[in-house]
């Protein structure tokens, strides 16, 4: 069950990346490559990306230093090289992380994906006070420099699926789908 939740969170995280921002075209026929598509950037555009898995030892020292300064004691991350930067993916304390850097090793964003149990009580109360009959399937917390943290919360109801976006105290329905019977 935990493996299924982690797999769902990983696929949903990649889906979020593919849906919300960086335009990527093309795909390498490489066993270690990620699918190309739109990747979340929230204001930063990285274009025409193809991603390939790389070893940490092949990265620029500044990039590794910046990563290790923020994420101490992480050693099992997977790195992907894009045309315009790198993404590190790893899990810690039942939270999946995707951390993006530009070519020079400057941090661009962090996306944390987790279950309702890891959501802060205040934010959970805000969502559940309006959507009390819905189950919170997944929370994605998006942090970028100079912007407030944005939460993407996926809700599962009896007849519909809802994706909420919460940022700077404002909650909006980003997407809504009706379930088929």
N, C-alpha and C. Protein backbone atom coordinates (compact mmCIF):
# COMPACT_ATOMS: atom_id res chain seq x y z
N UNK A 1 0.83 -1.20 0.00
CA UNK A 1 0.00 0.00 0.00
C UNK A 1 0.87 1.26 0.00
N UNK A 2 1.95 1.25 0.83
CA UNK A 2 2.84 2.41 0.89
C UNK A 2 3.54 2.59 -0.46
N UNK A 3 3.96 1.47 -1.06
CA UNK A 3 4.62 1.54 -2.37
C UNK A 3 3.66 2.12 -3.41
N UNK A 4 2.39 1.69 -3.35
CA UNK A 4 1.39 2.19 -4.28
C UNK A 4 1.20 3.70 -4.11
N UNK A 5 1.14 4.17 -2.86
CA UNK A 5 0.98 5.60 -2.60
C UNK A 5 2.19 6.38 -3.10
N UNK A 6 3.40 5.84 -2.85
CA UNK A 6 4.62 6.52 -3.32
C UNK A 6 4.66 6.57 -4.84
N UNK A 7 4.26 5.47 -5.48
CA UNK A 7 4.24 5.44 -6.94
C UNK A 7 3.22 6.44 -7.47
N UNK A 8 2.05 6.48 -6.85
CA UNK A 8 1.02 7.44 -7.26
C UNK A 8 1.52 8.86 -7.07
N UNK A 9 2.15 9.13 -5.95
CA UNK A 9 2.68 10.47 -5.68
C UNK A 9 3.75 10.84 -6.70
N UNK A 10 4.61 9.89 -7.04
CA UNK A 10 5.67 10.17 -8.01
C UNK A 10 5.08 10.47 -9.38
N UNK A 11 4.13 9.63 -9.82
CA UNK A 11 3.51 9.88 -11.12
C UNK A 11 2.73 11.18 -11.13
N UNK A 12 2.04 11.47 -10.04
CA UNK A 12 1.29 12.72 -9.96
C UNK A 12 2.24 13.91 -9.96
N UNK A 13 3.37 13.78 -9.26
CA UNK A 13 4.37 14.85 -9.25
C UNK A 13 4.92 15.09 -10.64
N UNK A 14 5.22 14.03 -11.35
CA UNK A 14 5.71 14.18 -12.71
C UNK A 14 4.63 14.78 -13.59
N UNK A 15 3.36 14.35 -13.37
CA UNK A 15 2.26 14.92 -14.13
C UNK A 15 2.16 16.42 -13.90
N UNK A 16 2.28 16.84 -12.63
CA UNK A 16 2.25 18.27 -12.32
C UNK A 16 3.37 18.98 -13.07
N UNK A 17 4.53 18.39 -13.03
CA UNK A 17 5.66 18.98 -13.75
C UNK A 17 5.35 19.10 -15.24
N UNK A 18 4.74 18.07 -15.79
CA UNK A 18 4.46 18.06 -17.22
C UNK A 18 3.37 19.04 -17.60
N UNK A 19 2.50 19.38 -16.67
CA UNK A 19 1.34 20.19 -16.99
C UNK A 19 1.56 21.68 -16.82
N UNK A 20 2.42 22.12 -15.91
CA UNK A 20 2.32 23.51 -15.48
C UNK A 20 3.37 24.51 -15.91
N UNK A 21 4.34 24.22 -16.79
CA UNK A 21 5.18 25.37 -17.09
C UNK A 21 6.27 25.29 -18.10
N UNK A 22 7.31 24.53 -17.90
CA UNK A 22 8.46 24.58 -18.79
C UNK A 22 8.15 23.80 -20.04
N UNK A 23 8.33 24.39 -21.19
CA UNK A 23 8.05 23.70 -22.43
C UNK A 23 9.22 22.80 -22.77
N UNK A 24 8.89 21.56 -23.05
CA UNK A 24 9.94 20.61 -23.44
C UNK A 24 9.49 19.87 -24.68
N UNK A 25 10.37 19.75 -25.62
CA UNK A 25 10.06 19.06 -26.86
C UNK A 25 11.08 17.97 -27.10
N UNK A 26 10.63 16.88 -27.67
CA UNK A 26 11.54 15.80 -28.00
C UNK A 26 11.73 14.87 -26.83
N UNK A 27 12.28 13.70 -27.13
CA UNK A 27 12.53 12.72 -26.08
C UNK A 27 13.62 11.80 -26.56
N UNK A 28 14.56 11.50 -25.70
CA UNK A 28 15.62 10.56 -26.04
C UNK A 28 15.13 9.15 -25.85
N UNK A 29 15.54 8.29 -26.71
CA UNK A 29 15.24 6.87 -26.56
C UNK A 29 16.31 6.28 -25.65
N UNK A 30 16.24 6.60 -24.39
CA UNK A 30 17.23 6.20 -23.41
C UNK A 30 16.50 5.58 -22.23
N UNK A 31 16.98 4.46 -21.75
CA UNK A 31 16.33 3.78 -20.63
C UNK A 31 16.28 4.67 -19.41
N UNK A 32 17.27 5.54 -19.24
CA UNK A 32 17.35 6.39 -18.05
C UNK A 32 16.78 7.78 -18.29
N UNK A 33 15.92 7.96 -19.28
CA UNK A 33 15.41 9.30 -19.54
C UNK A 33 14.00 9.46 -18.99
N UNK A 34 13.67 10.69 -18.66
CA UNK A 34 12.32 11.04 -18.24
C UNK A 34 11.52 11.41 -19.46
N UNK A 35 10.19 11.30 -19.41
CA UNK A 35 9.40 11.76 -20.53
C UNK A 35 9.52 13.28 -20.67
N UNK A 36 9.51 13.75 -21.89
CA UNK A 36 9.57 15.19 -22.09
C UNK A 36 8.16 15.74 -22.10
N UNK A 37 8.02 17.03 -21.92
CA UNK A 37 6.72 17.68 -21.87
C UNK A 37 6.86 18.98 -21.13
N UNK A 38 5.74 19.53 -20.70
CA UNK A 38 5.79 20.78 -19.95
C UNK A 38 6.14 20.48 -18.51
N UNK A 39 7.10 21.21 -17.96
CA UNK A 39 7.56 21.00 -16.60
C UNK A 39 7.27 22.27 -15.80
N UNK A 40 6.88 22.11 -14.55
CA UNK A 40 6.50 23.25 -13.72
C UNK A 40 7.66 24.22 -13.57
N UNK A 41 7.40 25.47 -13.80
CA UNK A 41 8.44 26.47 -13.60
C UNK A 41 7.92 27.65 -12.80
N UNK A 42 6.62 27.89 -12.82
CA UNK A 42 6.02 29.01 -12.11
C UNK A 42 6.81 30.28 -12.34
N UNK A 43 6.84 30.70 -13.61
CA UNK A 43 7.46 31.97 -13.95
C UNK A 43 8.80 31.82 -14.63
N UNK A 44 9.46 30.69 -14.51
CA UNK A 44 10.74 30.48 -15.17
C UNK A 44 10.50 29.55 -16.35
N UNK A 45 11.00 29.91 -17.50
CA UNK A 45 10.79 29.08 -18.67
C UNK A 45 12.09 28.43 -19.09
N UNK A 46 12.07 27.12 -19.14
CA UNK A 46 13.20 26.37 -19.68
C UNK A 46 12.65 25.66 -20.91
N UNK A 47 13.24 25.93 -22.06
CA UNK A 47 12.63 25.42 -23.28
C UNK A 47 13.40 24.27 -23.89
N UNK A 48 12.67 23.48 -24.67
CA UNK A 48 13.21 22.36 -25.43
C UNK A 48 14.10 21.46 -24.59
N UNK A 49 13.53 20.89 -23.55
CA UNK A 49 14.28 20.03 -22.64
C UNK A 49 14.13 18.56 -23.01
N UNK A 50 15.22 17.86 -22.94
CA UNK A 50 15.24 16.42 -22.93
C UNK A 50 15.99 16.06 -21.67
N UNK A 51 15.46 15.14 -20.91
CA UNK A 51 16.10 14.83 -19.64
C UNK A 51 16.71 13.43 -19.68
N UNK A 52 17.88 13.33 -19.09
CA UNK A 52 18.61 12.07 -19.04
C UNK A 52 19.16 11.92 -17.62
N UNK A 53 19.06 10.71 -17.07
CA UNK A 53 19.58 10.47 -15.74
C UNK A 53 21.11 10.58 -15.76
N UNK A 54 21.65 11.26 -14.73
CA UNK A 54 23.10 11.43 -14.61
C UNK A 54 23.52 11.10 -13.19
N UNK A 55 24.80 10.80 -13.02
CA UNK A 55 25.36 10.50 -11.72
C UNK A 55 25.78 11.80 -11.04
N UNK A 56 25.63 11.86 -9.71
CA UNK A 56 26.00 13.06 -8.95
C UNK A 56 27.46 13.45 -9.19
N UNK A 57 28.32 12.48 -9.37
CA UNK A 57 29.75 12.74 -9.57
C UNK A 57 30.04 13.47 -10.88
N UNK A 58 29.09 13.47 -11.80
CA UNK A 58 29.27 14.15 -13.09
C UNK A 58 28.66 15.55 -13.10
N UNK A 59 28.19 16.02 -11.96
CA UNK A 59 27.58 17.35 -11.87
C UNK A 59 28.63 18.38 -11.47
N UNK A 60 28.31 19.65 -11.74
CA UNK A 60 29.21 20.73 -11.33
C UNK A 60 29.27 20.79 -9.81
N UNK A 61 30.47 21.02 -9.27
CA UNK A 61 30.63 21.08 -7.80
C UNK A 61 29.71 22.10 -7.13
N UNK A 62 29.49 23.25 -7.76
CA UNK A 62 28.62 24.27 -7.16
C UNK A 62 27.19 23.76 -7.01
N UNK A 63 26.71 23.02 -8.01
CA UNK A 63 25.37 22.46 -7.96
C UNK A 63 25.25 21.48 -6.79
N UNK A 64 26.21 20.57 -6.68
CA UNK A 64 26.18 19.59 -5.60
C UNK A 64 26.29 20.28 -4.25
N UNK A 65 27.16 21.29 -4.15
CA UNK A 65 27.33 22.02 -2.89
C UNK A 65 26.01 22.70 -2.49
N UNK A 66 25.34 23.35 -3.43
CA UNK A 66 24.06 24.00 -3.14
C UNK A 66 23.02 22.99 -2.69
N UNK A 67 22.99 21.85 -3.37
CA UNK A 67 22.03 20.81 -3.01
C UNK A 67 22.30 20.29 -1.60
N UNK A 68 23.55 19.94 -1.31
CA UNK A 68 23.89 19.36 -0.01
C UNK A 68 23.76 20.35 1.14
N UNK A 69 23.90 21.64 0.85
CA UNK A 69 23.73 22.65 1.89
C UNK A 69 22.26 22.68 2.34
N UNK A 70 21.36 22.51 1.40
CA UNK A 70 19.93 22.55 1.71
C UNK A 70 19.41 21.19 2.18
N UNK A 71 19.88 20.12 1.57
CA UNK A 71 19.36 18.78 1.85
C UNK A 71 20.48 17.91 2.42
N UNK A 72 20.78 18.14 3.68
CA UNK A 72 21.83 17.38 4.36
C UNK A 72 21.40 15.92 4.50
N UNK A 73 22.36 15.04 4.49
CA UNK A 73 22.14 13.60 4.69
C UNK A 73 21.29 12.94 3.61
N UNK A 74 21.20 13.53 2.43
CA UNK A 74 20.53 12.87 1.31
C UNK A 74 21.62 12.30 0.41
N UNK A 75 21.53 11.01 0.15
CA UNK A 75 22.56 10.39 -0.69
C UNK A 75 21.96 9.48 -1.76
N UNK A 76 20.66 9.27 -1.72
CA UNK A 76 20.05 8.34 -2.67
C UNK A 76 19.23 9.07 -3.74
N UNK A 77 19.51 10.33 -3.98
CA UNK A 77 18.74 11.09 -4.96
C UNK A 77 19.08 10.63 -6.38
N UNK A 78 18.14 10.86 -7.28
CA UNK A 78 18.36 10.59 -8.70
C UNK A 78 18.40 11.93 -9.41
N UNK A 79 19.42 12.12 -10.23
CA UNK A 79 19.61 13.38 -10.93
C UNK A 79 19.25 13.23 -12.39
N UNK A 80 18.58 14.25 -12.93
CA UNK A 80 18.24 14.28 -14.34
C UNK A 80 18.79 15.57 -14.93
N UNK A 81 19.48 15.43 -16.04
CA UNK A 81 20.03 16.60 -16.72
C UNK A 81 19.06 17.03 -17.81
N UNK A 82 18.74 18.31 -17.79
CA UNK A 82 17.90 18.92 -18.81
C UNK A 82 18.79 19.81 -19.66
N UNK A 83 18.28 20.27 -20.76
CA UNK A 83 19.06 21.18 -21.60
C UNK A 83 19.45 22.44 -20.84
N UNK A 84 18.56 22.92 -19.97
CA UNK A 84 18.79 24.18 -19.26
C UNK A 84 18.98 24.03 -17.76
N UNK A 85 19.28 22.82 -17.27
CA UNK A 85 19.49 22.66 -15.84
C UNK A 85 19.43 21.22 -15.40
N UNK A 86 19.13 21.03 -14.12
CA UNK A 86 19.09 19.70 -13.51
C UNK A 86 17.93 19.59 -12.54
N UNK A 87 17.43 18.37 -12.35
CA UNK A 87 16.42 18.08 -11.35
C UNK A 87 16.90 16.92 -10.51
N UNK A 88 16.82 17.06 -9.20
CA UNK A 88 17.11 15.97 -8.27
C UNK A 88 15.78 15.46 -7.71
N UNK A 89 15.63 14.15 -7.64
CA UNK A 89 14.42 13.54 -7.08
C UNK A 89 14.82 12.56 -5.99
N UNK A 90 14.13 12.65 -4.84
CA UNK A 90 14.40 11.75 -3.73
C UNK A 90 13.22 11.76 -2.77
N UNK A 91 13.23 10.83 -1.83
CA UNK A 91 12.19 10.76 -0.80
C UNK A 91 12.85 10.83 0.57
N UNK A 92 12.16 11.52 1.49
CA UNK A 92 12.62 11.62 2.87
C UNK A 92 11.39 11.80 3.76
N UNK A 93 11.27 10.97 4.80
CA UNK A 93 10.16 11.06 5.75
C UNK A 93 8.79 11.03 5.07
N UNK A 94 8.60 10.11 4.13
CA UNK A 94 7.34 9.95 3.39
C UNK A 94 6.96 11.18 2.58
N UNK A 95 7.94 11.97 2.18
CA UNK A 95 7.72 13.12 1.30
C UNK A 95 8.63 12.94 0.08
N UNK A 96 8.03 13.05 -1.11
CA UNK A 96 8.80 12.97 -2.35
C UNK A 96 9.22 14.38 -2.75
N UNK A 97 10.50 14.53 -3.08
CA UNK A 97 11.07 15.83 -3.44
C UNK A 97 11.49 15.85 -4.90
N UNK A 98 11.26 16.99 -5.55
CA UNK A 98 11.79 17.29 -6.87
C UNK A 98 12.40 18.68 -6.75
N UNK A 99 13.72 18.77 -6.92
CA UNK A 99 14.43 20.02 -6.74
C UNK A 99 15.09 20.40 -8.06
N UNK A 100 14.78 21.58 -8.57
CA UNK A 100 15.29 22.01 -9.88
C UNK A 100 16.32 23.12 -9.73
N UNK A 101 17.36 23.03 -10.55
CA UNK A 101 18.46 24.01 -10.59
C UNK A 101 18.70 24.41 -12.03
N UNK A 102 19.19 25.65 -12.23
CA UNK A 102 19.57 26.06 -13.57
C UNK A 102 20.96 25.51 -13.90
N UNK A 103 21.47 25.82 -15.08
CA UNK A 103 22.78 25.31 -15.54
C UNK A 103 23.92 25.72 -14.61
N UNK A 104 23.79 26.88 -13.98
CA UNK A 104 24.86 27.37 -13.11
C UNK A 104 24.76 26.82 -11.69
N UNK A 105 23.74 26.03 -11.41
CA UNK A 105 23.58 25.46 -10.08
C UNK A 105 22.72 26.30 -9.16
N UNK A 106 22.05 27.32 -9.69
CA UNK A 106 21.16 28.17 -8.89
C UNK A 106 19.81 27.47 -8.72
N UNK A 107 19.31 27.44 -7.48
CA UNK A 107 18.05 26.81 -7.17
C UNK A 107 16.89 27.53 -7.85
N UNK A 108 16.00 26.77 -8.51
CA UNK A 108 14.83 27.33 -9.17
C UNK A 108 13.54 27.04 -8.41
N UNK A 109 13.38 25.80 -7.92
CA UNK A 109 12.14 25.45 -7.22
C UNK A 109 12.30 24.09 -6.54
N UNK A 110 11.44 23.87 -5.55
CA UNK A 110 11.32 22.58 -4.89
C UNK A 110 9.85 22.22 -4.87
N UNK A 111 9.55 20.99 -5.26
CA UNK A 111 8.18 20.47 -5.19
C UNK A 111 8.20 19.30 -4.23
N UNK A 112 7.41 19.41 -3.17
CA UNK A 112 7.26 18.33 -2.20
C UNK A 112 5.88 17.71 -2.39
N UNK A 113 5.83 16.39 -2.51
CA UNK A 113 4.56 15.68 -2.67
C UNK A 113 4.35 14.77 -1.48
N UNK A 114 3.14 14.85 -0.88
CA UNK A 114 2.88 14.06 0.31
C UNK A 114 1.39 13.84 0.50
N UNK A 115 1.06 13.03 1.49
CA UNK A 115 -0.33 12.68 1.77
C UNK A 115 -0.96 13.70 2.72
N UNK A 116 -2.25 13.54 2.94
CA UNK A 116 -2.99 14.41 3.84
C UNK A 116 -2.40 14.43 5.24
N UNK A 117 -1.87 13.30 5.67
CA UNK A 117 -1.32 13.19 7.03
C UNK A 117 -0.18 14.18 7.28
N UNK A 118 0.54 14.59 6.24
CA UNK A 118 1.67 15.52 6.38
C UNK A 118 1.25 16.98 6.20
N UNK A 119 0.01 17.21 5.82
CA UNK A 119 -0.50 18.58 5.61
C UNK A 119 -0.68 19.28 6.95
N UNK A 120 -0.33 20.56 7.00
CA UNK A 120 -0.48 21.31 8.25
C UNK A 120 -1.95 21.34 8.68
N UNK A 121 -2.17 21.35 9.98
CA UNK A 121 -3.54 21.35 10.50
C UNK A 121 -4.37 22.53 10.03
N UNK A 122 -3.77 23.72 9.98
CA UNK A 122 -4.49 24.91 9.53
C UNK A 122 -4.95 24.79 8.09
N UNK A 123 -4.05 24.34 7.23
CA UNK A 123 -4.38 24.22 5.81
C UNK A 123 -5.40 23.10 5.60
N UNK A 124 -5.22 22.02 6.31
CA UNK A 124 -6.17 20.91 6.21
C UNK A 124 -7.56 21.38 6.64
N UNK A 125 -7.64 22.11 7.72
CA UNK A 125 -8.92 22.63 8.20
C UNK A 125 -9.57 23.55 7.17
N UNK A 126 -8.77 24.42 6.57
CA UNK A 126 -9.29 25.33 5.54
C UNK A 126 -9.93 24.55 4.39
N UNK A 127 -9.24 23.52 3.92
CA UNK A 127 -9.75 22.73 2.79
C UNK A 127 -10.96 21.93 3.22
N UNK A 128 -10.86 21.23 4.35
CA UNK A 128 -11.94 20.34 4.79
C UNK A 128 -13.19 21.10 5.23
N UNK A 129 -13.04 22.37 5.64
CA UNK A 129 -14.22 23.14 6.05
C UNK A 129 -15.12 23.43 4.85
N UNK A 130 -14.55 23.45 3.66
CA UNK A 130 -15.33 23.68 2.44
C UNK A 130 -15.62 22.36 1.73
N UNK A 131 -14.64 21.50 1.66
CA UNK A 131 -14.75 20.23 0.94
C UNK A 131 -14.75 19.06 1.93
N UNK A 132 -15.69 19.09 2.88
CA UNK A 132 -15.72 18.12 3.97
C UNK A 132 -16.04 16.70 3.51
N UNK A 133 -16.73 16.53 2.38
CA UNK A 133 -17.06 15.19 1.88
C UNK A 133 -16.00 14.64 0.93
N UNK A 134 -14.88 15.32 0.81
CA UNK A 134 -13.83 14.92 -0.12
C UNK A 134 -12.63 14.35 0.64
N UNK A 135 -11.95 13.43 -0.01
CA UNK A 135 -10.72 12.86 0.52
C UNK A 135 -9.54 13.60 -0.13
N UNK A 136 -8.57 13.97 0.65
CA UNK A 136 -7.36 14.60 0.11
C UNK A 136 -6.43 13.48 -0.33
N UNK A 137 -6.25 13.34 -1.65
CA UNK A 137 -5.42 12.27 -2.20
C UNK A 137 -3.94 12.62 -2.20
N UNK A 138 -3.64 13.85 -2.53
CA UNK A 138 -2.24 14.24 -2.69
C UNK A 138 -2.09 15.74 -2.47
N UNK A 139 -0.99 16.11 -1.83
CA UNK A 139 -0.64 17.51 -1.63
C UNK A 139 0.70 17.73 -2.31
N UNK A 140 0.80 18.79 -3.09
CA UNK A 140 2.07 19.19 -3.68
C UNK A 140 2.35 20.62 -3.25
N UNK A 141 3.48 20.78 -2.61
CA UNK A 141 3.90 22.07 -2.06
C UNK A 141 5.02 22.59 -2.97
N UNK A 142 4.80 23.73 -3.58
CA UNK A 142 5.75 24.26 -4.56
C UNK A 142 6.38 25.52 -4.01
N UNK A 143 7.70 25.47 -3.88
CA UNK A 143 8.45 26.59 -3.33
C UNK A 143 9.38 27.12 -4.41
N UNK A 144 9.33 28.43 -4.64
CA UNK A 144 10.20 29.10 -5.60
C UNK A 144 10.79 30.33 -4.93
N UNK A 145 11.94 30.81 -5.44
CA UNK A 145 12.51 32.02 -4.85
C UNK A 145 11.56 33.21 -5.02
N UNK A 146 11.44 34.02 -4.01
CA UNK A 146 10.70 35.28 -4.04
C UNK A 146 9.20 35.15 -4.26
N UNK A 147 8.64 33.95 -4.15
CA UNK A 147 7.19 33.76 -4.30
C UNK A 147 6.66 33.05 -3.07
N UNK A 148 5.39 33.27 -2.74
CA UNK A 148 4.81 32.51 -1.62
C UNK A 148 4.70 31.04 -2.01
N UNK A 149 4.71 30.16 -1.03
CA UNK A 149 4.55 28.73 -1.29
C UNK A 149 3.16 28.51 -1.88
N UNK A 150 3.11 27.68 -2.92
CA UNK A 150 1.85 27.32 -3.56
C UNK A 150 1.56 25.85 -3.26
N UNK A 151 0.33 25.57 -2.91
CA UNK A 151 -0.10 24.20 -2.64
C UNK A 151 -1.06 23.78 -3.74
N UNK A 152 -0.83 22.60 -4.31
CA UNK A 152 -1.76 21.98 -5.24
C UNK A 152 -2.32 20.78 -4.49
N UNK A 153 -3.63 20.78 -4.26
CA UNK A 153 -4.26 19.73 -3.47
C UNK A 153 -5.28 19.01 -4.32
N UNK A 154 -5.12 17.70 -4.42
CA UNK A 154 -6.03 16.88 -5.21
C UNK A 154 -7.06 16.23 -4.31
N UNK A 155 -8.33 16.49 -4.61
CA UNK A 155 -9.44 15.99 -3.81
C UNK A 155 -10.24 14.96 -4.60
N UNK A 156 -10.73 13.95 -3.89
CA UNK A 156 -11.53 12.91 -4.50
C UNK A 156 -12.88 12.89 -3.81
N UNK A 157 -13.94 13.21 -4.56
CA UNK A 157 -15.30 13.18 -4.02
C UNK A 157 -16.08 12.03 -4.62
N UNK A 158 -17.33 11.91 -4.24
CA UNK A 158 -18.17 10.81 -4.75
C UNK A 158 -18.41 10.93 -6.24
N UNK A 159 -18.58 12.15 -6.72
CA UNK A 159 -18.92 12.33 -8.14
C UNK A 159 -17.90 13.15 -8.93
N UNK A 160 -16.91 13.72 -8.25
CA UNK A 160 -15.95 14.55 -8.98
C UNK A 160 -14.57 14.54 -8.33
N UNK A 161 -13.60 14.91 -9.14
CA UNK A 161 -12.23 15.11 -8.71
C UNK A 161 -11.94 16.60 -8.82
N UNK A 162 -11.30 17.16 -7.84
CA UNK A 162 -11.00 18.60 -7.83
C UNK A 162 -9.53 18.81 -7.53
N UNK A 163 -8.93 19.73 -8.26
CA UNK A 163 -7.56 20.15 -7.97
C UNK A 163 -7.62 21.60 -7.51
N UNK A 164 -7.21 21.83 -6.26
CA UNK A 164 -7.19 23.18 -5.70
C UNK A 164 -5.79 23.76 -5.79
N UNK A 165 -5.72 25.06 -5.95
CA UNK A 165 -4.45 25.78 -5.86
C UNK A 165 -4.61 26.79 -4.74
N UNK A 166 -3.71 26.71 -3.75
CA UNK A 166 -3.74 27.63 -2.62
C UNK A 166 -2.41 28.35 -2.57
N UNK A 167 -2.48 29.67 -2.61
CA UNK A 167 -1.27 30.49 -2.57
C UNK A 167 -1.60 31.84 -1.97
N UNK A 168 -0.75 32.28 -1.06
CA UNK A 168 -0.89 33.60 -0.46
C UNK A 168 -2.28 33.80 0.13
N UNK A 169 -2.81 32.76 0.77
CA UNK A 169 -4.11 32.84 1.44
C UNK A 169 -5.31 32.72 0.53
N UNK A 170 -5.10 32.54 -0.76
CA UNK A 170 -6.21 32.44 -1.71
C UNK A 170 -6.34 31.02 -2.21
N UNK A 171 -7.56 30.47 -2.15
CA UNK A 171 -7.82 29.12 -2.62
C UNK A 171 -8.72 29.19 -3.86
N UNK A 172 -8.28 28.57 -4.95
CA UNK A 172 -9.07 28.54 -6.18
C UNK A 172 -9.13 27.11 -6.71
N UNK A 173 -10.20 26.80 -7.40
CA UNK A 173 -10.33 25.51 -8.07
C UNK A 173 -9.57 25.63 -9.38
N UNK A 174 -8.49 24.87 -9.51
CA UNK A 174 -7.69 24.92 -10.73
C UNK A 174 -8.28 24.03 -11.80
N UNK A 175 -8.77 22.84 -11.39
CA UNK A 175 -9.38 21.90 -12.33
C UNK A 175 -10.48 21.14 -11.61
N UNK A 176 -11.48 20.74 -12.39
CA UNK A 176 -12.59 19.96 -11.83
C UNK A 176 -13.01 18.94 -12.89
N UNK A 177 -13.13 17.68 -12.46
CA UNK A 177 -13.52 16.61 -13.37
C UNK A 177 -14.71 15.87 -12.77
N UNK A 178 -15.68 15.53 -13.62
CA UNK A 178 -16.81 14.72 -13.19
C UNK A 178 -16.45 13.26 -13.42
N UNK A 179 -16.70 12.44 -12.44
CA UNK A 179 -16.42 11.01 -12.56
C UNK A 179 -17.48 10.36 -13.46
N UNK A 180 -17.04 9.43 -14.26
CA UNK A 180 -18.03 8.69 -15.07
C UNK A 180 -18.63 7.58 -14.22
N UNK A 181 -19.86 7.24 -14.54
CA UNK A 181 -20.56 6.22 -13.74
C UNK A 181 -20.34 4.85 -14.26
